[in-house]
Amino acid sequence: MKASGDGFWELALSDGSAWYSEWFHHRLGWTEAAKRSFNDLRPIFAPDAWEMLLGQLRAHLERKIPFDAIFPVQLADGRTESWHMRGVAQHNEVGHPIHVAGSVREVSGEPRQA
């Protein structure tokens, strides 16, 4: 995973708990010991970007629209980055989504594709 340069995450839909790879811990100054939730990402997103992220996630879960979007984030040190987040829902035996897992890449210096 480290060789890709990407971060990885998994969200449990039942309780909002989340696992984040070392990429997030390093960028956001998190300690490994702390229990994490999806809401731990909220402070780095502007309110409109956070709502956009939740809307994209909801569209993926409800209408199977790919979760694949670029969001601006503000790190604790004041730097702004663009993160390209992707994810896919994992379903239980009756077809209900139970987890969403995905990756993130910092793309601030990359040209945007049309």
PDB file of N, CA and C in Angstrom:
ATOM      1  N   MET A   1       0.814  -1.181   0.000  1.00  0.00           N
ATOM      2  CA  MET A   1       0.000   0.000   0.000  1.00  0.00           C
ATOM      3  C   MET A   1       0.869   1.261   0.000  1.00  0.00           C
ATOM      4  N   LYS A   2       1.951   1.264   0.726  1.00  0.00           N
ATOM      5  CA  LYS A   2       2.798   2.452   0.792  1.00  0.00           C
ATOM      6  C   LYS A   2       3.379   2.796  -0.573  1.00  0.00           C
ATOM      7  N   ALA A   3       3.686   1.771  -1.361  1.00  0.00           N
ATOM      8  CA  ALA A   3       4.314   2.008  -2.653  1.00  0.00           C
ATOM      9  C   ALA A   3       3.427   2.808  -3.595  1.00  0.00           C
ATOM     10  N   SER A   4       2.122   2.738  -3.426  1.00  0.00           N
ATOM     11  CA  SER A   4       1.205   3.460  -4.310  1.00  0.00           C
ATOM     12  C   SER A   4       1.193   4.954  -4.035  1.00  0.00           C
ATOM     13  N   GLY A   5       1.573   5.353  -2.823  1.00  0.00           N
ATOM     14  CA  GLY A   5       1.494   6.751  -2.447  1.00  0.00           C
ATOM     15  C   GLY A   5       0.091   7.202  -2.089  1.00  0.00           C
ATOM     16  N   ASP A   6      -0.852   6.277  -2.070  1.00  0.00           N
ATOM     17  CA  ASP A   6      -2.251   6.577  -1.774  1.00  0.00           C
ATOM     18  C   ASP A   6      -2.577   6.287  -0.324  1.00  0.00           C
ATOM     19  N   GLY A   7      -3.651   6.868   0.133  1.00  0.00           N
ATOM     20  CA  GLY A   7      -4.206   6.545   1.434  1.00  0.00           C
ATOM     21  C   GLY A   7      -5.384   5.606   1.239  1.00  0.00           C
ATOM     22  N   PHE A   8      -5.697   4.846   2.269  1.00  0.00           N
ATOM     23  CA  PHE A   8      -6.807   3.895   2.202  1.00  0.00           C
ATOM     24  C   PHE A   8      -7.682   4.066   3.421  1.00  0.00           C
ATOM     25  N   TRP A   9      -8.977   3.816   3.242  1.00  0.00           N
ATOM     26  CA  TRP A   9      -9.938   4.022   4.318  1.00  0.00           C
ATOM     27  C   TRP A   9     -11.072   3.009   4.191  1.00  0.00           C
ATOM     28  N   GLU A  10     -11.733   2.779   5.307  1.00  0.00           N
ATOM     29  CA  GLU A  10     -12.922   1.920   5.321  1.00  0.00           C
ATOM     30  C   GLU A  10     -13.892   2.482   6.351  1.00  0.00           C
ATOM     31  N   LEU A  11     -15.140   2.599   5.940  1.00  0.00           N
ATOM     32  CA  LEU A  11     -16.201   3.139   6.774  1.00  0.00           C
ATOM     33  C   LEU A  11     -17.230   2.051   7.056  1.00  0.00           C
ATOM     34  N   ALA A  12     -17.532   1.823   8.336  1.00  0.00           N
ATOM     35  CA  ALA A  12     -18.609   0.903   8.729  1.00  0.00           C
ATOM     36  C   ALA A  12     -19.903   1.707   8.773  1.00  0.00           C
ATOM     37  N   LEU A  13     -20.858   1.343   7.948  1.00  0.00           N
ATOM     38  CA  LEU A  13     -22.100   2.102   7.866  1.00  0.00           C
ATOM     39  C   LEU A  13     -22.992   1.907   9.087  1.00  0.00           C
ATOM     40  N   SER A  14     -22.807   0.837   9.824  1.00  0.00           N
ATOM     41  CA  SER A  14     -23.655   0.564  10.982  1.00  0.00           C
ATOM     42  C   SER A  14     -23.466   1.570  12.102  1.00  0.00           C
ATOM     43  N   ASP A  15     -22.231   2.055  12.289  1.00  0.00           N
ATOM     44  CA  ASP A  15     -21.976   2.960  13.421  1.00  0.00           C
ATOM     45  C   ASP A  15     -21.083   4.158  13.080  1.00  0.00           C
ATOM     46  N   GLY A  16     -20.667   4.274  11.832  1.00  0.00           N
ATOM     47  CA  GLY A  16     -19.832   5.404  11.440  1.00  0.00           C
ATOM     48  C   GLY A  16     -18.363   5.264  11.809  1.00  0.00           C
ATOM     49  N   SER A  17     -17.992   4.123  12.409  1.00  0.00           N
ATOM     50  CA  SER A  17     -16.583   3.930  12.742  1.00  0.00           C
ATOM     51  C   SER A  17     -15.784   3.766  11.450  1.00  0.00           C
ATOM     52  N   ALA A  18     -14.505   4.086  11.526  1.00  0.00           N
ATOM     53  CA  ALA A  18     -13.688   4.054  10.321  1.00  0.00           C
ATOM     54  C   ALA A  18     -12.272   3.618  10.637  1.00  0.00           C
ATOM     55  N   TRP A  19     -11.647   3.060   9.635  1.00  0.00           N
ATOM     56  CA  TRP A  19     -10.227   2.735   9.676  1.00  0.00           C
ATOM     57  C   TRP A  19      -9.561   3.592   8.604  1.00  0.00           C
ATOM     58  N   TYR A  20      -8.422   4.165   8.949  1.00  0.00           N
ATOM     59  CA  TYR A  20      -7.645   4.973   8.017  1.00  0.00           C
ATOM     60  C   TYR A  20      -6.215   4.466   8.009  1.00  0.00           C
ATOM     61  N   SER A  21      -5.626   4.393   6.826  1.00  0.00           N
ATOM     62  CA  SER A  21      -4.232   3.960   6.715  1.00  0.00           C
ATOM     63  C   SER A  21      -3.304   5.037   7.270  1.00  0.00           C
ATOM     64  N   GLU A  22      -2.056   4.671   7.357  1.00  0.00           N
ATOM     65  CA  GLU A  22      -1.013   5.557   7.892  1.00  0.00           C
ATOM     66  C   GLU A  22      -0.935   6.882   7.125  1.00  0.00           C
ATOM     67  N   TRP A  23      -1.283   6.883   5.846  1.00  0.00           N
ATOM     68  CA  TRP A  23      -1.273   8.090   5.010  1.00  0.00           C
ATOM     69  C   TRP A  23      -2.050   9.213   5.695  1.00  0.00           C
ATOM     70  N   PHE A  24      -3.255   8.913   6.204  1.00  0.00           N
ATOM     71  CA  PHE A  24      -4.085   9.904   6.889  1.00  0.00           C
ATOM     72  C   PHE A  24      -3.433  10.347   8.197  1.00  0.00           C
ATOM     73  N   HIS A  25      -2.950   9.387   8.960  1.00  0.00           N
ATOM     74  CA  HIS A  25      -2.332   9.692  10.245  1.00  0.00           C
ATOM     75  C   HIS A  25      -1.150  10.638  10.068  1.00  0.00           C
ATOM     76  N   HIS A  26      -0.368  10.365   9.042  1.00  0.00           N
ATOM     77  CA  HIS A  26       0.804  11.187   8.764  1.00  0.00           C
ATOM     78  C   HIS A  26       0.395  12.600   8.356  1.00  0.00           C
ATOM     79  N   ARG A  27      -0.544  12.721   7.438  1.00  0.00           N
ATOM     80  CA  ARG A  27      -0.967  14.029   6.927  1.00  0.00           C
ATOM     81  C   ARG A  27      -1.737  14.847   7.946  1.00  0.00           C
ATOM     82  N   LEU A  28      -2.533  14.170   8.782  1.00  0.00           N
ATOM     83  CA  LEU A  28      -3.427  14.884   9.685  1.00  0.00           C
ATOM     84  C   LEU A  28      -2.927  14.931  11.122  1.00  0.00           C
ATOM     85  N   GLY A  29      -1.758  14.322  11.390  1.00  0.00           N
ATOM     86  CA  GLY A  29      -1.181  14.360  12.728  1.00  0.00           C
ATOM     87  C   GLY A  29      -1.941  13.532  13.750  1.00  0.00           C
ATOM     88  N   TRP A  30      -2.611  12.508  13.283  1.00  0.00           N
ATOM     89  CA  TRP A  30      -3.379  11.644  14.178  1.00  0.00           C
ATOM     90  C   TRP A  30      -2.461  10.640  14.872  1.00  0.00           C
ATOM     91  N   THR A  31      -2.819  10.262  16.102  1.00  0.00           N
ATOM     92  CA  THR A  31      -2.112   9.178  16.778  1.00  0.00           C
ATOM     93  C   THR A  31      -2.759   7.860  16.378  1.00  0.00           C
ATOM     94  N   GLU A  32      -1.970   6.839  16.330  1.00  0.00           N
ATOM     95  CA  GLU A  32      -2.487   5.518  15.960  1.00  0.00           C
ATOM     96  C   GLU A  32      -3.453   4.973  16.998  1.00  0.00           C
ATOM     97  N   ALA A  33      -3.316   5.395  18.253  1.00  0.00           N
ATOM     98  CA  ALA A  33      -4.100   4.811  19.336  1.00  0.00           C
ATOM     99  C   ALA A  33      -5.561   5.264  19.335  1.00  0.00           C
ATOM    100  N   ALA A  34      -5.838   6.408  18.749  1.00  0.00           N
ATOM    101  CA  ALA A  34      -7.196   6.950  18.820  1.00  0.00           C
ATOM    102  C   ALA A  34      -8.166   6.148  17.961  1.00  0.00           C
ATOM    103  N   LYS A  35      -9.356   5.901  18.493  1.00  0.00           N
ATOM    104  CA  LYS A  35     -10.412   5.258  17.725  1.00  0.00           C
ATOM    105  C   LYS A  35     -10.983   6.301  16.772  1.00  0.00           C
ATOM    106  N   ARG A  36     -11.201   5.956  15.552  1.00  0.00           N
ATOM    107  CA  ARG A  36     -11.600   6.909  14.532  1.00  0.00           C
ATOM    108  C   ARG A  36     -13.026   6.679  14.043  1.00  0.00           C
ATOM    109  N   SER A  37     -13.618   7.777  13.539  1.00  0.00           N
ATOM    110  CA  SER A  37     -14.924   7.711  12.890  1.00  0.00           C
ATOM    111  C   SER A  37     -14.821   8.477  11.577  1.00  0.00           C
ATOM    112  N   PHE A  38     -15.816   8.337  10.737  1.00  0.00           N
ATOM    113  CA  PHE A  38     -15.824   9.057   9.477  1.00  0.00           C
ATOM    114  C   PHE A  38     -15.862  10.560   9.729  1.00  0.00           C
ATOM    115  N   ASN A  39     -16.543  10.970  10.781  1.00  0.00           N
ATOM    116  CA  ASN A  39     -16.647  12.386  11.118  1.00  0.00           C
ATOM    117  C   ASN A  39     -15.317  13.023  11.491  1.00  0.00           C
ATOM    118  N   ASP A  40     -14.297  12.237  11.758  1.00  0.00           N
ATOM    119  CA  ASP A  40     -12.978  12.791  12.051  1.00  0.00           C
ATOM    120  C   ASP A  40     -12.412  13.562  10.855  1.00  0.00           C
ATOM    121  N   LEU A  41     -12.931  13.289   9.660  1.00  0.00           N
ATOM    122  CA  LEU A  41     -12.490  14.018   8.477  1.00  0.00           C
ATOM    123  C   LEU A  41     -13.165  15.380   8.347  1.00  0.00           C
ATOM    124  N   ARG A  42     -14.276  15.558   8.997  1.00  0.00           N
ATOM    125  CA  ARG A  42     -15.071  16.782   8.816  1.00  0.00           C
ATOM    126  C   ARG A  42     -14.285  18.084   9.012  1.00  0.00           C
ATOM    127  N   PRO A  43     -13.419  18.199  10.019  1.00  0.00           N
ATOM    128  CA  PRO A  43     -12.711  19.476  10.224  1.00  0.00           C
ATOM    129  C   PRO A  43     -11.809  19.918   9.068  1.00  0.00           C
ATOM    130  N   ILE A  44     -11.383  19.009   8.220  1.00  0.00           N
ATOM    131  CA  ILE A  44     -10.481  19.402   7.136  1.00  0.00           C
ATOM    132  C   ILE A  44     -11.237  19.845   5.890  1.00  0.00           C
ATOM    133  N   PHE A  45     -12.539  19.643   5.872  1.00  0.00           N
ATOM    134  CA  PHE A  45     -13.377  20.026   4.740  1.00  0.00           C
ATOM    135  C   PHE A  45     -14.112  21.326   5.046  1.00  0.00           C
ATOM    136  N   ALA A  46     -14.185  22.224   4.060  1.00  0.00           N
ATOM    137  CA  ALA A  46     -15.076  23.370   4.175  1.00  0.00           C
ATOM    138  C   ALA A  46     -16.502  22.816   4.227  1.00  0.00           C
ATOM    139  N   PRO A  47     -17.443  23.513   4.858  1.00  0.00           N
ATOM    140  CA  PRO A  47     -18.810  22.992   4.974  1.00  0.00           C
ATOM    141  C   PRO A  47     -19.426  22.553   3.641  1.00  0.00           C
ATOM    142  N   ASP A  48     -19.233  23.319   2.576  1.00  0.00           N
ATOM    143  CA  ASP A  48     -19.819  22.921   1.292  1.00  0.00           C
ATOM    144  C   ASP A  48     -19.130  21.683   0.717  1.00  0.00           C
ATOM    145  N   ALA A  49     -17.825  21.548   0.929  1.00  0.00           N
ATOM    146  CA  ALA A  49     -17.106  20.363   0.447  1.00  0.00           C
ATOM    147  C   ALA A  49     -17.531  19.125   1.240  1.00  0.00           C
ATOM    148  N   TRP A  50     -17.746  19.278   2.552  1.00  0.00           N
ATOM    149  CA  TRP A  50     -18.208  18.153   3.376  1.00  0.00           C
ATOM    150  C   TRP A  50     -19.586  17.692   2.903  1.00  0.00           C
ATOM    151  N   GLU A  51     -20.477  18.637   2.640  1.00  0.00           N
ATOM    152  CA  GLU A  51     -21.819  18.291   2.142  1.00  0.00           C
ATOM    153  C   GLU A  51     -21.738  17.615   0.781  1.00  0.00           C
ATOM    154  N   MET A  52     -20.817  18.065  -0.063  1.00  0.00           N
ATOM    155  CA  MET A  52     -20.621  17.439  -1.362  1.00  0.00           C
ATOM    156  C   MET A  52     -20.131  15.999  -1.192  1.00  0.00           C
ATOM    157  N   LEU A  53     -19.186  15.783  -0.277  1.00  0.00           N
ATOM    158  CA  LEU A  53     -18.683  14.435  -0.011  1.00  0.00           C
ATOM    159  C   LEU A  53     -19.821  13.532   0.462  1.00  0.00           C
ATOM    160  N   LEU A  54     -20.633  14.003   1.401  1.00  0.00           N
ATOM    161  CA  LEU A  54     -21.750  13.189   1.896  1.00  0.00           C
ATOM    162  C   LEU A  54     -22.769  12.925   0.791  1.00  0.00           C
ATOM    163  N   GLY A  55     -23.019  13.914  -0.054  1.00  0.00           N
ATOM    164  CA  GLY A  55     -23.947  13.721  -1.169  1.00  0.00           C
ATOM    165  C   GLY A  55     -23.442  12.689  -2.162  1.00  0.00           C
ATOM    166  N   GLN A  56     -22.144  12.736  -2.453  1.00  0.00           N
ATOM    167  CA  GLN A  56     -21.549  11.750  -3.366  1.00  0.00           C
ATOM    168  C   GLN A  56     -21.624  10.348  -2.766  1.00  0.00           C
ATOM    169  N   LEU A  57     -21.362  10.262  -1.482  1.00  0.00           N
ATOM    170  CA  LEU A  57     -21.427   8.970  -0.805  1.00  0.00           C
ATOM    171  C   LEU A  57     -22.867   8.439  -0.810  1.00  0.00           C
ATOM    172  N   ARG A  58     -23.813   9.305  -0.507  1.00  0.00           N
ATOM    173  CA  ARG A  58     -25.229   8.916  -0.514  1.00  0.00           C
ATOM    174  C   ARG A  58     -25.656   8.446  -1.912  1.00  0.00           C
ATOM    175  N   ALA A  59     -25.237   9.170  -2.950  1.00  0.00           N
ATOM    176  CA  ALA A  59     -25.574   8.787  -4.328  1.00  0.00           C
ATOM    177  C   ALA A  59     -25.000   7.419  -4.664  1.00  0.00           C
ATOM    178  N   HIS A  60     -23.812   7.144  -4.182  1.00  0.00           N
ATOM    179  CA  HIS A  60     -23.204   5.823  -4.415  1.00  0.00           C
ATOM    180  C   HIS A  60     -24.009   4.728  -3.724  1.00  0.00           C
ATOM    181  N   LEU A  61     -24.395   4.958  -2.482  1.00  0.00           N
ATOM    182  CA  LEU A  61     -25.112   3.932  -1.717  1.00  0.00           C
ATOM    183  C   LEU A  61     -26.531   3.725  -2.217  1.00  0.00           C
ATOM    184  N   GLU A  62     -27.197   4.802  -2.584  1.00  0.00           N
ATOM    185  CA  GLU A  62     -28.607   4.704  -2.965  1.00  0.00           C
ATOM    186  C   GLU A  62     -28.831   4.426  -4.441  1.00  0.00           C
ATOM    187  N   ARG A  63     -27.956   4.975  -5.301  1.00  0.00           N
ATOM    188  CA  ARG A  63     -28.183   4.843  -6.744  1.00  0.00           C
ATOM    189  C   ARG A  63     -27.025   4.181  -7.487  1.00  0.00           C
ATOM    190  N   LYS A  64     -26.034   3.708  -6.719  1.00  0.00           N
ATOM    191  CA  LYS A  64     -24.866   3.019  -7.276  1.00  0.00           C
ATOM    192  C   LYS A  64     -24.063   3.890  -8.243  1.00  0.00           C
ATOM    193  N   ILE A  65     -24.119   5.210  -8.044  1.00  0.00           N
ATOM    194  CA  ILE A  65     -23.284   6.134  -8.806  1.00  0.00           C
ATOM    195  C   ILE A  65     -21.869   6.019  -8.252  1.00  0.00           C
ATOM    196  N   PRO A  66     -20.861   5.903  -9.110  1.00  0.00           N
ATOM    197  CA  PRO A  66     -19.494   5.738  -8.597  1.00  0.00           C
ATOM    198  C   PRO A  66     -19.109   6.853  -7.623  1.00  0.00           C
ATOM    199  N   PHE A  67     -18.450   6.461  -6.538  1.00  0.00           N
ATOM    200  CA  PHE A  67     -17.903   7.430  -5.597  1.00  0.00           C
ATOM    201  C   PHE A  67     -16.490   7.718  -6.065  1.00  0.00           C
ATOM    202  N   ASP A  68     -16.339   8.837  -6.763  1.00  0.00           N
ATOM    203  CA  ASP A  68     -15.082   9.190  -7.416  1.00  0.00           C
ATOM    204  C   ASP A  68     -15.093  10.699  -7.604  1.00  0.00           C
ATOM    205  N   ALA A  69     -14.472  11.423  -6.685  1.00  0.00           N
ATOM    206  CA  ALA A  69     -14.555  12.880  -6.731  1.00  0.00           C
ATOM    207  C   ALA A  69     -13.313  13.517  -6.126  1.00  0.00           C
ATOM    208  N   ILE A  70     -13.091  14.774  -6.500  1.00  0.00           N
ATOM    209  CA  ILE A  70     -11.975  15.555  -5.976  1.00  0.00           C
ATOM    210  C   ILE A  70     -12.543  16.624  -5.045  1.00  0.00           C
ATOM    211  N   PHE A  71     -11.948  16.691  -3.842  1.00  0.00           N
ATOM    212  CA  PHE A  71     -12.409  17.611  -2.815  1.00  0.00           C
ATOM    213  C   PHE A  71     -11.245  18.450  -2.309  1.00  0.00           C
ATOM    214  N   PRO A  72     -11.473  19.745  -2.055  1.00  0.00           N
ATOM    215  CA  PRO A  72     -10.444  20.553  -1.398  1.00  0.00           C
ATOM    216  C   PRO A  72     -10.465  20.278   0.103  1.00  0.00           C
ATOM    217  N   VAL A  73      -9.292  20.200   0.703  1.00  0.00           N
ATOM    218  CA  VAL A  73      -9.180  20.001   2.151  1.00  0.00           C
ATOM    219  C   VAL A  73      -8.163  20.988   2.707  1.00  0.00           C
ATOM    220  N   GLN A  74      -8.333  21.331   3.973  1.00  0.00           N
ATOM    221  CA  GLN A  74      -7.374  22.211   4.648  1.00  0.00           C
ATOM    222  C   GLN A  74      -6.754  21.433   5.799  1.00  0.00           C
ATOM    223  N   LEU A  75      -5.447  21.286   5.752  1.00  0.00           N
ATOM    224  CA  LEU A  75      -4.728  20.536   6.769  1.00  0.00           C
ATOM    225  C   LEU A  75      -4.498  21.395   8.005  1.00  0.00           C
ATOM    226  N   ALA A  76      -4.141  20.752   9.094  1.00  0.00           N
ATOM    227  CA  ALA A  76      -3.955  21.450  10.368  1.00  0.00           C
ATOM    228  C   ALA A  76      -2.884  22.529  10.280  1.00  0.00           C
ATOM    229  N   ASP A  77      -1.894  22.350   9.415  1.00  0.00           N
ATOM    230  CA  ASP A  77      -0.824  23.343   9.294  1.00  0.00           C
ATOM    231  C   ASP A  77      -1.216  24.506   8.388  1.00  0.00           C
ATOM    232  N   GLY A  78      -2.460  24.515   7.903  1.00  0.00           N
ATOM    233  CA  GLY A  78      -2.959  25.610   7.083  1.00  0.00           C
ATOM    234  C   GLY A  78      -2.845  25.397   5.581  1.00  0.00           C
ATOM    235  N   ARG A  79      -2.089  24.388   5.186  1.00  0.00           N
ATOM    236  CA  ARG A  79      -1.972  24.101   3.749  1.00  0.00           C
ATOM    237  C   ARG A  79      -3.304  23.602   3.206  1.00  0.00           C
ATOM    238  N   THR A  80      -3.582  23.928   1.943  1.00  0.00           N
ATOM    239  CA  THR A  80      -4.763  23.411   1.252  1.00  0.00           C
ATOM    240  C   THR A  80      -4.294  22.407   0.211  1.00  0.00           C
ATOM    241  N   GLU A  81      -4.979  21.288   0.152  1.00  0.00           N
ATOM    242  CA  GLU A  81      -4.681  20.250  -0.839  1.00  0.00           C
ATOM    243  C   GLU A  81      -5.980  19.856  -1.528  1.00  0.00           C
ATOM    244  N   SER A  82      -5.843  19.196  -2.666  1.00  0.00           N
ATOM    245  CA  SER A  82      -6.970  18.574  -3.337  1.00  0.00           C
ATOM    246  C   SER A  82      -6.802  17.072  -3.206  1.00  0.00           C
ATOM    247  N   TRP A  83      -7.852  16.424  -2.710  1.00  0.00           N
ATOM    248  CA  TRP A  83      -7.821  14.970  -2.553  1.00  0.00           C
ATOM    249  C   TRP A  83      -8.787  14.321  -3.526  1.00  0.00           C
ATOM    250  N   HIS A  84      -8.297  13.332  -4.253  1.00  0.00           N
ATOM    251  CA  HIS A  84      -9.131  12.523  -5.141  1.00  0.00           C
ATOM    252  C   HIS A  84      -9.526  11.276  -4.363  1.00  0.00           C
ATOM    253  N   MET A  85     -10.798  11.213  -4.019  1.00  0.00           N
ATOM    254  CA  MET A  85     -11.301  10.090  -3.223  1.00  0.00           C
ATOM    255  C   MET A  85     -12.138   9.177  -4.098  1.00  0.00           C
ATOM    256  N   ARG A  86     -11.932   7.878  -3.903  1.00  0.00           N
ATOM    257  CA  ARG A  86     -12.699   6.837  -4.598  1.00  0.00           C
ATOM    258  C   ARG A  86     -13.122   5.811  -3.573  1.00  0.00           C
ATOM    259  N   GLY A  87     -14.245   5.177  -3.833  1.00  0.00           N
ATOM    260  CA  GLY A  87     -14.691   4.133  -2.920  1.00  0.00           C
ATOM    261  C   GLY A  87     -15.771   3.284  -3.545  1.00  0.00           C
ATOM    262  N   VAL A  88     -15.996   2.150  -2.918  1.00  0.00           N
ATOM    263  CA  VAL A  88     -17.033   1.241  -3.375  1.00  0.00           C
ATOM    264  C   VAL A  88     -17.666   0.566  -2.159  1.00  0.00           C
ATOM    265  N   ALA A  89     -18.984   0.424  -2.218  1.00  0.00           N
ATOM    266  CA  ALA A  89     -19.713  -0.214  -1.124  1.00  0.00           C
ATOM    267  C   ALA A  89     -19.521  -1.725  -1.167  1.00  0.00           C
ATOM    268  N   GLN A  90     -19.460  -2.296   0.020  1.00  0.00           N
ATOM    269  CA  GLN A  90     -19.448  -3.749   0.166  1.00  0.00           C
ATOM    270  C   GLN A  90     -20.793  -4.115   0.780  1.00  0.00           C
ATOM    271  N   HIS A  91     -21.427  -5.152   0.229  1.00  0.00           N
ATOM    272  CA  HIS A  91     -22.785  -5.509   0.627  1.00  0.00           C
ATOM    273  C   HIS A  91     -22.831  -6.831   1.385  1.00  0.00           C
ATOM    274  N   ASN A  92     -23.862  -6.965   2.217  1.00  0.00           N
ATOM    275  CA  ASN A  92     -24.064  -8.233   2.918  1.00  0.00           C
ATOM    276  C   ASN A  92     -24.798  -9.217   2.010  1.00  0.00           C
ATOM    277  N   GLU A  93     -25.136 -10.382   2.560  1.00  0.00           N
ATOM    278  CA  GLU A  93     -25.731 -11.458   1.758  1.00  0.00           C
ATOM    279  C   GLU A  93     -27.105 -11.102   1.187  1.00  0.00           C
ATOM    280  N   VAL A  94     -27.793 -10.127   1.750  1.00  0.00           N
ATOM    281  CA  VAL A  94     -29.107  -9.728   1.212  1.00  0.00           C
ATOM    282  C   VAL A  94     -29.019  -8.447   0.378  1.00  0.00           C
ATOM    283  N   GLY A  95     -27.803  -7.977   0.120  1.00  0.00           N
ATOM    284  CA  GLY A  95     -27.606  -6.847  -0.767  1.00  0.00           C
ATOM    285  C   GLY A  95     -27.593  -5.474  -0.131  1.00  0.00           C
ATOM    286  N   HIS A  96     -27.595  -5.391   1.199  1.00  0.00           N
ATOM    287  CA  HIS A  96     -27.542  -4.104   1.877  1.00  0.00           C
ATOM    288  C   HIS A  96     -26.085  -3.669   2.054  1.00  0.00           C
ATOM    289  N   PRO A  97     -25.777  -2.397   1.776  1.00  0.00           N
ATOM    290  CA  PRO A  97     -24.402  -1.938   1.971  1.00  0.00           C
ATOM    291  C   PRO A  97     -24.050  -1.923   3.464  1.00  0.00           C
ATOM    292  N   ILE A  98     -22.881  -2.450   3.777  1.00  0.00           N
ATOM    293  CA  ILE A  98     -22.447  -2.503   5.177  1.00  0.00           C
ATOM    294  C   ILE A  98     -21.135  -1.747   5.412  1.00  0.00           C
ATOM    295  N   HIS A  99     -20.325  -1.637   4.397  1.00  0.00           N
ATOM    296  CA  HIS A  99     -19.054  -0.916   4.465  1.00  0.00           C
ATOM    297  C   HIS A  99     -18.851  -0.154   3.160  1.00  0.00           C
ATOM    298  N   VAL A 100     -18.066   0.876   3.239  1.00  0.00           N
ATOM    299  CA  VAL A 100     -17.548   1.524   2.046  1.00  0.00           C
ATOM    300  C   VAL A 100     -16.042   1.578   2.241  1.00  0.00           C
ATOM    301  N   ALA A 101     -15.316   1.134   1.244  1.00  0.00           N
ATOM    302  CA  ALA A 101     -13.857   1.139   1.321  1.00  0.00           C
ATOM    303  C   ALA A 101     -13.316   1.846   0.099  1.00  0.00           C
ATOM    304  N   GLY A 102     -12.184   2.534   0.298  1.00  0.00           N
ATOM    305  CA  GLY A 102     -11.649   3.236  -0.848  1.00  0.00           C
ATOM    306  C   GLY A 102     -10.248   3.747  -0.657  1.00  0.00           C
ATOM    307  N   SER A 103      -9.867   4.621  -1.585  1.00  0.00           N
ATOM    308  CA  SER A 103      -8.533   5.189  -1.581  1.00  0.00           C
ATOM    309  C   SER A 103      -8.630   6.699  -1.730  1.00  0.00           C
ATOM    310  N   VAL A 104      -7.517   7.355  -1.434  1.00  0.00           N
ATOM    311  CA  VAL A 104      -7.414   8.802  -1.608  1.00  0.00           C
ATOM    312  C   VAL A 104      -6.006   9.114  -2.073  1.00  0.00           C
ATOM    313  N   ARG A 105      -5.918  10.105  -2.935  1.00  0.00           N
ATOM    314  CA  ARG A 105      -4.625  10.536  -3.459  1.00  0.00           C
ATOM    315  C   ARG A 105      -4.602  12.062  -3.454  1.00  0.00           C
ATOM    316  N   GLU A 106      -3.481  12.611  -3.072  1.00  0.00           N
ATOM    317  CA  GLU A 106      -3.314  14.061  -3.107  1.00  0.00           C
ATOM    318  C   GLU A 106      -2.988  14.445  -4.543  1.00  0.00           C
ATOM    319  N   VAL A 107      -3.830  15.308  -5.144  1.00  0.00           N
ATOM    320  CA  VAL A 107      -3.703  15.622  -6.565  1.00  0.00           C
ATOM    321  C   VAL A 107      -3.546  17.120  -6.831  1.00  0.00           C
ATOM    322  N   SER A 108      -3.123  17.880  -5.856  1.00  0.00           N
ATOM    323  CA  SER A 108      -3.037  19.333  -6.011  1.00  0.00           C
ATOM    324  C   SER A 108      -2.181  19.752  -7.194  1.00  0.00           C
ATOM    325  N   GLY A 109      -1.099  19.074  -7.439  1.00  0.00           N
ATOM    326  CA  GLY A 109      -0.203  19.464  -8.510  1.00  0.00           C
ATOM    327  C   GLY A 109      -0.502  18.827  -9.848  1.00  0.00           C
ATOM    328  N   GLU A 110      -1.516  17.980  -9.921  1.00  0.00           N
ATOM    329  CA  GLU A 110      -1.835  17.292 -11.161  1.00  0.00           C
ATOM    330  C   GLU A 110      -2.828  18.094 -11.984  1.00  0.00           C
ATOM    331  N   PRO A 111      -2.685  18.066 -13.300  1.00  0.00           N
ATOM    332  CA  PRO A 111      -3.652  18.778 -14.137  1.00  0.00           C
ATOM    333  C   PRO A 111      -5.022  18.103 -14.057  1.00  0.00           C
ATOM    334  N   ARG A 112      -6.077  18.905 -14.067  1.00  0.00           N
ATOM    335  CA  ARG A 112      -7.446  18.368 -14.037  1.00  0.00           C
ATOM    336  C   ARG A 112      -7.799  17.832 -15.416  1.00  0.00           C
ATOM    337  N   GLN A 113      -8.493  16.694 -15.427  1.00  0.00           N
ATOM    338  CA  GLN A 113      -8.933  16.122 -16.686  1.00  0.00           C
ATOM    339  C   GLN A 113     -10.373  16.523 -16.943  1.00  0.00           C
ATOM    340  N   ALA A 114     -10.674  16.820 -18.172  1.00  0.00           N
ATOM    341  CA  ALA A 114     -12.037  17.240 -18.537  1.00  0.00           C
ATOM    342  C   ALA A 114     -12.955  16.066 -18.705  1.00  0.00           C
TER     343      ALA A 114
END
